[in-house]
């Protein structure tokens, strides 16, 4: 569990780092002060309304709002580098809202339902409690909004992932620690792939998470029998 649970937390914390770009509503202008739109020329204001151009941060915000609303998905996470046993590891993860996860890892399969983990290793299953909120915190809007003030997003043009057209972004944040995450957004507005370099015990690990099967009703996660 020492290695497997951090893998799950890493995947979810990457989502949290990206979803943290959710913005608060703009504060109303002080009495007597011109609103931002009023400060623009009339022609520019009309043009903005007719042809709105969202910022890169707006694009990521919309993608994360959509991602947090999906009912299910499948993700393949590849981790490579000196921090990983044998130089690399692949984990297949299924999610069913609101709180069901299944991870298929080299050492066995884990199912998490709420705050309970079921571990299956070599045909044997174990059930153990997890600290309350260990995973649900990463889908908590308050948690996701904590670092929004220090987050920036850079659009990097169009790209393809396994033949799927996507828009590519570099998301940078300084809180709770400096983090750079590259993200690909598909034509449906949902994440196709995210990539990040992390460090465990001073050793680097390159993490790539590929998302598929959004809102697939055939994805079922039940406790092991």
C-alpha atoms as a PDB file:
ATOM      1  CA  UNK A   1       0.000   0.000   0.000  1.00  0.00           C
ATOM      2  CA  UNK A   2       2.913   2.374   0.618  1.00  0.00           C
ATOM      3  CA  UNK A   3       3.521   2.704  -3.113  1.00  0.00           C
ATOM      4  CA  UNK A   4       0.076   2.004  -4.522  1.00  0.00           C
ATOM      5  CA  UNK A   5      -1.904   4.625  -2.633  1.00  0.00           C
ATOM      6  CA  UNK A   6       0.507   7.467  -3.536  1.00  0.00           C
ATOM      7  CA  UNK A   7       0.009   6.485  -7.188  1.00  0.00           C
ATOM      8  CA  UNK A   8      -3.728   7.066  -6.844  1.00  0.00           C
ATOM      9  CA  UNK A   9      -3.212  10.308  -4.942  1.00  0.00           C
ATOM     10  CA  UNK A  10      -0.789  11.509  -7.605  1.00  0.00           C
ATOM     11  CA  UNK A  11      -3.354  10.956 -10.355  1.00  0.00           C
ATOM     12  CA  UNK A  12      -6.051  12.782  -8.420  1.00  0.00           C
ATOM     13  CA  UNK A  13      -3.768  15.575  -7.235  1.00  0.00           C
ATOM     14  CA  UNK A  14      -2.845  16.289 -10.856  1.00  0.00           C
ATOM     15  CA  UNK A  15      -6.546  16.745 -11.549  1.00  0.00           C
ATOM     16  CA  UNK A  16      -6.803  18.981  -8.513  1.00  0.00           C
ATOM     17  CA  UNK A  17      -3.856  21.081  -9.645  1.00  0.00           C
ATOM     18  CA  UNK A  18      -5.567  21.676 -12.972  1.00  0.00           C
ATOM     19  CA  UNK A  19      -9.062  22.136 -11.617  1.00  0.00           C
ATOM     20  CA  UNK A  20      -7.757  24.737  -9.187  1.00  0.00           C
ATOM     21  CA  UNK A  21      -8.119  27.274 -11.967  1.00  0.00           C
ATOM     22  CA  UNK A  22     -11.819  27.615 -11.186  1.00  0.00           C
ATOM     23  CA  UNK A  23     -12.325  31.328 -10.882  1.00  0.00           C
ATOM     24  CA  UNK A  24     -14.328  33.284  -8.324  1.00  0.00           C
ATOM     25  CA  UNK A  25     -16.910  35.767  -9.640  1.00  0.00           C
ATOM     26  CA  UNK A  26     -15.405  39.177 -10.254  1.00  0.00           C
ATOM     27  CA  UNK A  27     -15.881  41.632  -7.414  1.00  0.00           C
ATOM     28  CA  UNK A  28     -18.389  44.395  -8.159  1.00  0.00           C
ATOM     29  CA  UNK A  29     -16.952  47.793  -8.962  1.00  0.00           C
ATOM     30  CA  UNK A  30     -16.883  50.321  -6.166  1.00  0.00           C
ATOM     31  CA  UNK A  31     -19.588  52.982  -6.225  1.00  0.00           C
ATOM     32  CA  UNK A  32     -18.744  55.597  -8.803  1.00  0.00           C
ATOM     33  CA  UNK A  33     -15.953  53.571 -10.383  1.00  0.00           C
ATOM     34  CA  UNK A  34     -16.406  52.570 -14.043  1.00  0.00           C
ATOM     35  CA  UNK A  35     -16.926  48.881 -14.711  1.00  0.00           C
ATOM     36  CA  UNK A  36     -14.234  47.192 -16.850  1.00  0.00           C
ATOM     37  CA  UNK A  37     -16.566  47.033 -19.854  1.00  0.00           C
ATOM     38  CA  UNK A  38     -17.320  50.723 -19.548  1.00  0.00           C
ATOM     39  CA  UNK A  39     -13.616  51.496 -19.652  1.00  0.00           C
ATOM     40  CA  UNK A  40     -13.361  49.935 -23.118  1.00  0.00           C
ATOM     41  CA  UNK A  41     -14.280  51.796 -26.246  1.00  0.00           C
ATOM     42  CA  UNK A  42     -17.805  51.169 -27.496  1.00  0.00           C
ATOM     43  CA  UNK A  43     -16.510  49.492 -30.633  1.00  0.00           C
ATOM     44  CA  UNK A  44     -14.256  47.126 -28.681  1.00  0.00           C
ATOM     45  CA  UNK A  45     -17.037  46.219 -26.269  1.00  0.00           C
ATOM     46  CA  UNK A  46     -19.414  45.391 -29.114  1.00  0.00           C
ATOM     47  CA  UNK A  47     -16.730  43.314 -30.852  1.00  0.00           C
ATOM     48  CA  UNK A  48     -16.072  41.352 -27.662  1.00  0.00           C
ATOM     49  CA  UNK A  49     -19.753  40.508 -27.313  1.00  0.00           C
ATOM     50  CA  UNK A  50     -20.114  39.433 -30.936  1.00  0.00           C
ATOM     51  CA  UNK A  51     -16.880  37.420 -31.020  1.00  0.00           C
ATOM     52  CA  UNK A  52     -15.850  36.408 -27.483  1.00  0.00           C
ATOM     53  CA  UNK A  53     -12.297  35.084 -27.230  1.00  0.00           C
ATOM     54  CA  UNK A  54     -11.856  33.094 -24.010  1.00  0.00           C
ATOM     55  CA  UNK A  55      -8.435  33.042 -22.457  1.00  0.00           C
ATOM     56  CA  UNK A  56      -6.367  29.887 -22.125  1.00  0.00           C
ATOM     57  CA  UNK A  57      -7.286  29.841 -18.442  1.00  0.00           C
ATOM     58  CA  UNK A  58     -10.974  30.003 -19.383  1.00  0.00           C
ATOM     59  CA  UNK A  59     -10.480  26.991 -21.671  1.00  0.00           C
ATOM     60  CA  UNK A  60      -8.895  24.970 -18.872  1.00  0.00           C
ATOM     61  CA  UNK A  61     -11.573  26.046 -16.406  1.00  0.00           C
ATOM     62  CA  UNK A  62     -14.311  24.857 -18.763  1.00  0.00           C
ATOM     63  CA  UNK A  63     -12.504  21.532 -19.306  1.00  0.00           C
ATOM     64  CA  UNK A  64     -12.142  20.942 -15.573  1.00  0.00           C
ATOM     65  CA  UNK A  65     -15.753  21.889 -14.886  1.00  0.00           C
ATOM     66  CA  UNK A  66     -16.768  19.314 -17.490  1.00  0.00           C
ATOM     67  CA  UNK A  67     -14.331  16.717 -16.144  1.00  0.00           C
ATOM     68  CA  UNK A  68     -15.676  16.997 -12.600  1.00  0.00           C
ATOM     69  CA  UNK A  69     -19.200  16.447 -13.937  1.00  0.00           C
ATOM     70  CA  UNK A  70     -18.542  13.195 -15.813  1.00  0.00           C
ATOM     71  CA  UNK A  71     -20.147  10.028 -14.481  1.00  0.00           C
ATOM     72  CA  UNK A  72     -17.329   7.654 -15.385  1.00  0.00           C
ATOM     73  CA  UNK A  73     -14.040   7.357 -17.247  1.00  0.00           C
ATOM     74  CA  UNK A  74     -11.061   5.093 -17.875  1.00  0.00           C
ATOM     75  CA  UNK A  75      -7.491   6.302 -17.445  1.00  0.00           C
ATOM     76  CA  UNK A  76      -4.137   4.741 -18.269  1.00  0.00           C
ATOM     77  CA  UNK A  77      -1.274   6.146 -16.210  1.00  0.00           C
ATOM     78  CA  UNK A  78       2.319   5.497 -17.279  1.00  0.00           C
ATOM     79  CA  UNK A  79       5.068   6.397 -14.822  1.00  0.00           C
ATOM     80  CA  UNK A  80       8.714   6.210 -15.878  1.00  0.00           C
ATOM     81  CA  UNK A  81      11.980   7.310 -14.332  1.00  0.00           C
ATOM     82  CA  UNK A  82      14.389   6.557 -11.527  1.00  0.00           C
ATOM     83  CA  UNK A  83      11.655   6.767  -8.875  1.00  0.00           C
ATOM     84  CA  UNK A  84       9.823   3.762 -10.323  1.00  0.00           C
ATOM     85  CA  UNK A  85      10.718   0.088  -9.680  1.00  0.00           C
ATOM     86  CA  UNK A  86      12.307  -1.297 -12.801  1.00  0.00           C
ATOM     87  CA  UNK A  87      12.231   2.150 -14.371  1.00  0.00           C
ATOM     88  CA  UNK A  88       8.509   2.211 -15.097  1.00  0.00           C
ATOM     89  CA  UNK A  89       4.979   1.174 -14.154  1.00  0.00           C
ATOM     90  CA  UNK A  90       1.574   1.262 -15.855  1.00  0.00           C
ATOM     91  CA  UNK A  91      -1.687   1.562 -13.954  1.00  0.00           C
ATOM     92  CA  UNK A  92      -5.177   1.199 -15.433  1.00  0.00           C
ATOM     93  CA  UNK A  93      -7.798   3.161 -13.508  1.00  0.00           C
ATOM     94  CA  UNK A  94     -11.598   3.231 -13.787  1.00  0.00           C
ATOM     95  CA  UNK A  95     -13.777   5.798 -12.044  1.00  0.00           C
ATOM     96  CA  UNK A  96     -17.524   5.833 -11.386  1.00  0.00           C
ATOM     97  CA  UNK A  97     -19.031   8.880  -9.691  1.00  0.00           C
ATOM     98  CA  UNK A  98     -19.121   9.859  -6.999  1.00  0.00           C
ATOM     99  CA  UNK A  99     -16.485   7.836  -5.160  1.00  0.00           C
ATOM    100  CA  UNK A 100     -15.603   4.519  -6.814  1.00  0.00           C
ATOM    101  CA  UNK A 101     -12.140   3.745  -8.191  1.00  0.00           C
ATOM    102  CA  UNK A 102     -10.513   0.582  -9.506  1.00  0.00           C
ATOM    103  CA  UNK A 103      -6.746   0.434 -10.058  1.00  0.00           C
ATOM    104  CA  UNK A 104      -5.136  -2.465 -11.886  1.00  0.00           C
ATOM    105  CA  UNK A 105      -1.442  -2.395 -11.024  1.00  0.00           C
ATOM    106  CA  UNK A 106       1.464  -4.817 -11.435  1.00  0.00           C
ATOM    107  CA  UNK A 107       1.187  -5.876  -7.785  1.00  0.00           C
ATOM    108  CA  UNK A 108      -2.566  -6.496  -7.941  1.00  0.00           C
ATOM    109  CA  UNK A 109      -5.964  -4.819  -8.171  1.00  0.00           C
ATOM    110  CA  UNK A 110      -7.348  -2.249  -5.753  1.00  0.00           C
ATOM    111  CA  UNK A 111     -10.931  -1.073  -5.452  1.00  0.00           C
ATOM    112  CA  UNK A 112     -11.784   2.022  -3.448  1.00  0.00           C
ATOM    113  CA  UNK A 113     -15.378   2.764  -2.536  1.00  0.00           C
ATOM    114  CA  UNK A 114     -15.787   5.831  -0.395  1.00  0.00           C
ATOM    115  CA  UNK A 115     -13.247   5.510   2.412  1.00  0.00           C
ATOM    116  CA  UNK A 116     -12.769   1.744   2.120  1.00  0.00           C
ATOM    117  CA  UNK A 117     -10.023   0.036   0.109  1.00  0.00           C
ATOM    118  CA  UNK A 118     -10.172  -3.547  -1.121  1.00  0.00           C
ATOM    119  CA  UNK A 119      -6.827  -5.044  -2.155  1.00  0.00           C
ATOM    120  CA  UNK A 120      -6.559  -8.185  -4.264  1.00  0.00           C
ATOM    121  CA  UNK A 121      -3.094  -9.718  -4.485  1.00  0.00           C
ATOM    122  CA  UNK A 122      -2.368 -13.243  -5.780  1.00  0.00           C
ATOM    123  CA  UNK A 123      -5.997 -14.300  -5.416  1.00  0.00           C
ATOM    124  CA  UNK A 124      -6.367 -13.003  -1.867  1.00  0.00           C
ATOM    125  CA  UNK A 125      -8.505  -9.982  -0.925  1.00  0.00           C
ATOM    126  CA  UNK A 126      -8.118  -7.645   2.013  1.00  0.00           C
ATOM    127  CA  UNK A 127     -10.424  -4.879   3.194  1.00  0.00           C
ATOM    128  CA  UNK A 128      -9.103  -1.870   5.063  1.00  0.00           C
ATOM    129  CA  UNK A 129     -10.390   1.576   6.024  1.00  0.00           C
ATOM    130  CA  UNK A 130      -8.763   4.714   4.672  1.00  0.00           C
ATOM    131  CA  UNK A 131      -8.563   8.047   6.497  1.00  0.00           C
ATOM    132  CA  UNK A 132     -11.830   9.865   5.877  1.00  0.00           C
ATOM    133  CA  UNK A 133     -11.643  12.189   2.882  1.00  0.00           C
ATOM    134  CA  UNK A 134      -8.347  10.770   1.545  1.00  0.00           C
ATOM    135  CA  UNK A 135      -9.667  10.750  -2.023  1.00  0.00           C
ATOM    136  CA  UNK A 136     -12.868  12.806  -1.842  1.00  0.00           C
ATOM    137  CA  UNK A 137     -10.843  15.929  -1.026  1.00  0.00           C
ATOM    138  CA  UNK A 138      -9.613  15.979  -4.614  1.00  0.00           C
ATOM    139  CA  UNK A 139     -13.175  16.493  -5.875  1.00  0.00           C
ATOM    140  CA  UNK A 140     -14.027  19.134  -3.272  1.00  0.00           C
ATOM    141  CA  UNK A 141     -14.577  22.541  -4.985  1.00  0.00           C
ATOM    142  CA  UNK A 142     -13.150  24.345  -1.947  1.00  0.00           C
ATOM    143  CA  UNK A 143      -9.972  22.250  -2.120  1.00  0.00           C
ATOM    144  CA  UNK A 144      -9.693  22.753  -5.857  1.00  0.00           C
ATOM    145  CA  UNK A 145      -9.997  26.529  -5.553  1.00  0.00           C
ATOM    146  CA  UNK A 146      -7.252  26.976  -2.971  1.00  0.00           C
ATOM    147  CA  UNK A 147      -4.403  27.697  -5.393  1.00  0.00           C
ATOM    148  CA  UNK A 148      -6.292  29.511  -8.147  1.00  0.00           C
ATOM    149  CA  UNK A 149      -4.672  32.877  -7.395  1.00  0.00           C
ATOM    150  CA  UNK A 150      -1.208  31.644  -8.409  1.00  0.00           C
ATOM    151  CA  UNK A 151      -2.170  29.570 -11.454  1.00  0.00           C
ATOM    152  CA  UNK A 152      -1.288  30.573 -15.015  1.00  0.00           C
ATOM    153  CA  UNK A 153      -2.074  28.865 -18.330  1.00  0.00           C
ATOM    154  CA  UNK A 154      -0.212  29.114 -21.644  1.00  0.00           C
ATOM    155  CA  UNK A 155      -1.852  27.979 -24.890  1.00  0.00           C
ATOM    156  CA  UNK A 156       0.549  25.914 -27.022  1.00  0.00           C
ATOM    157  CA  UNK A 157      -1.499  25.449 -30.178  1.00  0.00           C
ATOM    158  CA  UNK A 158      -3.100  22.370 -31.685  1.00  0.00           C
ATOM    159  CA  UNK A 159      -1.791  18.817 -31.447  1.00  0.00           C
ATOM    160  CA  UNK A 160      -2.948  15.201 -31.747  1.00  0.00           C
ATOM    161  CA  UNK A 161      -2.933  12.391 -29.171  1.00  0.00           C
ATOM    162  CA  UNK A 162      -3.272   8.904 -30.668  1.00  0.00           C
ATOM    163  CA  UNK A 163      -4.837  10.508 -33.728  1.00  0.00           C
ATOM    164  CA  UNK A 164      -7.313  12.574 -31.669  1.00  0.00           C
ATOM    165  CA  UNK A 165      -7.291  16.316 -32.357  1.00  0.00           C
ATOM    166  CA  UNK A 166      -6.618  18.356 -29.237  1.00  0.00           C
ATOM    167  CA  UNK A 167      -5.594  21.776 -27.973  1.00  0.00           C
ATOM    168  CA  UNK A 168      -2.405  21.790 -25.896  1.00  0.00           C
ATOM    169  CA  UNK A 169      -1.805  23.906 -22.775  1.00  0.00           C
ATOM    170  CA  UNK A 170       0.946  24.387 -20.193  1.00  0.00           C
ATOM    171  CA  UNK A 171      -0.511  24.900 -16.720  1.00  0.00           C
ATOM    172  CA  UNK A 172       1.825  26.362 -14.088  1.00  0.00           C
ATOM    173  CA  UNK A 173       1.208  26.891 -10.404  1.00  0.00           C
ATOM    174  CA  UNK A 174       3.400  27.920  -7.481  1.00  0.00           C
ATOM    175  CA  UNK A 175       1.156  26.581  -4.702  1.00  0.00           C
ATOM    176  CA  UNK A 176       1.378  24.379  -2.739  1.00  0.00           C
ATOM    177  CA  UNK A 177       4.677  23.895  -4.605  1.00  0.00           C
ATOM    178  CA  UNK A 178       5.892  24.835  -8.101  1.00  0.00           C
ATOM    179  CA  UNK A 179       4.157  22.558 -10.606  1.00  0.00           C
ATOM    180  CA  UNK A 180       4.064  22.412 -14.409  1.00  0.00           C
ATOM    181  CA  UNK A 181       1.443  20.214 -16.066  1.00  0.00           C
ATOM    182  CA  UNK A 182       0.923  19.850 -19.817  1.00  0.00           C
ATOM    183  CA  UNK A 183      -2.680  19.213 -20.771  1.00  0.00           C
ATOM    184  CA  UNK A 184      -4.419  18.220 -24.015  1.00  0.00           C
ATOM    185  CA  UNK A 185      -8.132  19.106 -24.399  1.00  0.00           C
ATOM    186  CA  UNK A 186     -10.250  17.301 -26.995  1.00  0.00           C
ATOM    187  CA  UNK A 187     -12.896  18.714 -29.308  1.00  0.00           C
ATOM    188  CA  UNK A 188     -15.552  17.666 -26.762  1.00  0.00           C
ATOM    189  CA  UNK A 189     -13.960  19.990 -24.218  1.00  0.00           C
ATOM    190  CA  UNK A 190     -12.724  17.169 -21.959  1.00  0.00           C
ATOM    191  CA  UNK A 191      -9.124  16.207 -21.110  1.00  0.00           C
ATOM    192  CA  UNK A 192      -7.476  13.753 -23.482  1.00  0.00           C
ATOM    193  CA  UNK A 193      -4.111  13.581 -21.725  1.00  0.00           C
ATOM    194  CA  UNK A 194      -2.065  15.244 -19.004  1.00  0.00           C
ATOM    195  CA  UNK A 195       1.683  14.994 -18.426  1.00  0.00           C
ATOM    196  CA  UNK A 196       3.718  15.924 -15.373  1.00  0.00           C
ATOM    197  CA  UNK A 197       7.163  15.350 -13.860  1.00  0.00           C
ATOM    198  CA  UNK A 198       7.144  14.618 -10.129  1.00  0.00           C
ATOM    199  CA  UNK A 199       9.731  13.672  -7.548  1.00  0.00           C
ATOM    200  CA  UNK A 200       9.634  10.871  -4.985  1.00  0.00           C
ATOM    201  CA  UNK A 201      12.428  10.585  -2.426  1.00  0.00           C
ATOM    202  CA  UNK A 202      14.557  12.889  -4.564  1.00  0.00           C
ATOM    203  CA  UNK A 203      14.109  10.780  -7.716  1.00  0.00           C
ATOM    204  CA  UNK A 204      12.225  11.999 -10.786  1.00  0.00           C
ATOM    205  CA  UNK A 205       9.188  10.303 -12.301  1.00  0.00           C
ATOM    206  CA  UNK A 206       7.531  11.296 -15.588  1.00  0.00           C
ATOM    207  CA  UNK A 207       3.774  10.739 -15.391  1.00  0.00           C
ATOM    208  CA  UNK A 208       1.420  10.594 -18.392  1.00  0.00           C
ATOM    209  CA  UNK A 209      -2.311  10.016 -17.878  1.00  0.00           C
ATOM    210  CA  UNK A 210      -4.470   9.203 -20.910  1.00  0.00           C
ATOM    211  CA  UNK A 211      -8.259   9.498 -20.563  1.00  0.00           C
ATOM    212  CA  UNK A 212     -10.906   7.556 -22.506  1.00  0.00           C
ATOM    213  CA  UNK A 213     -14.492   6.233 -22.179  1.00  0.00           C
ATOM    214  CA  UNK A 214     -16.040   9.308 -20.611  1.00  0.00           C
ATOM    215  CA  UNK A 215     -19.592   8.640 -19.343  1.00  0.00           C
ATOM    216  CA  UNK A 216     -19.428   4.999 -20.439  1.00  0.00           C
ATOM    217  CA  UNK A 217     -22.332   3.228 -18.648  1.00  0.00           C
ATOM    218  CA  UNK A 218     -20.624  -0.143 -19.066  1.00  0.00           C
ATOM    219  CA  UNK A 219     -17.954   0.819 -16.500  1.00  0.00           C
ATOM    220  CA  UNK A 220     -19.043  -0.824 -13.239  1.00  0.00           C
ATOM    221  CA  UNK A 221     -17.125  -0.927  -9.961  1.00  0.00           C
ATOM    222  CA  UNK A 222     -18.321  -3.253  -7.203  1.00  0.00           C
ATOM    223  CA  UNK A 223     -16.613  -4.544  -4.045  1.00  0.00           C
ATOM    224  CA  UNK A 224     -14.638  -7.777  -4.596  1.00  0.00           C
ATOM    225  CA  UNK A 225     -16.529 -10.894  -3.571  1.00  0.00           C
END
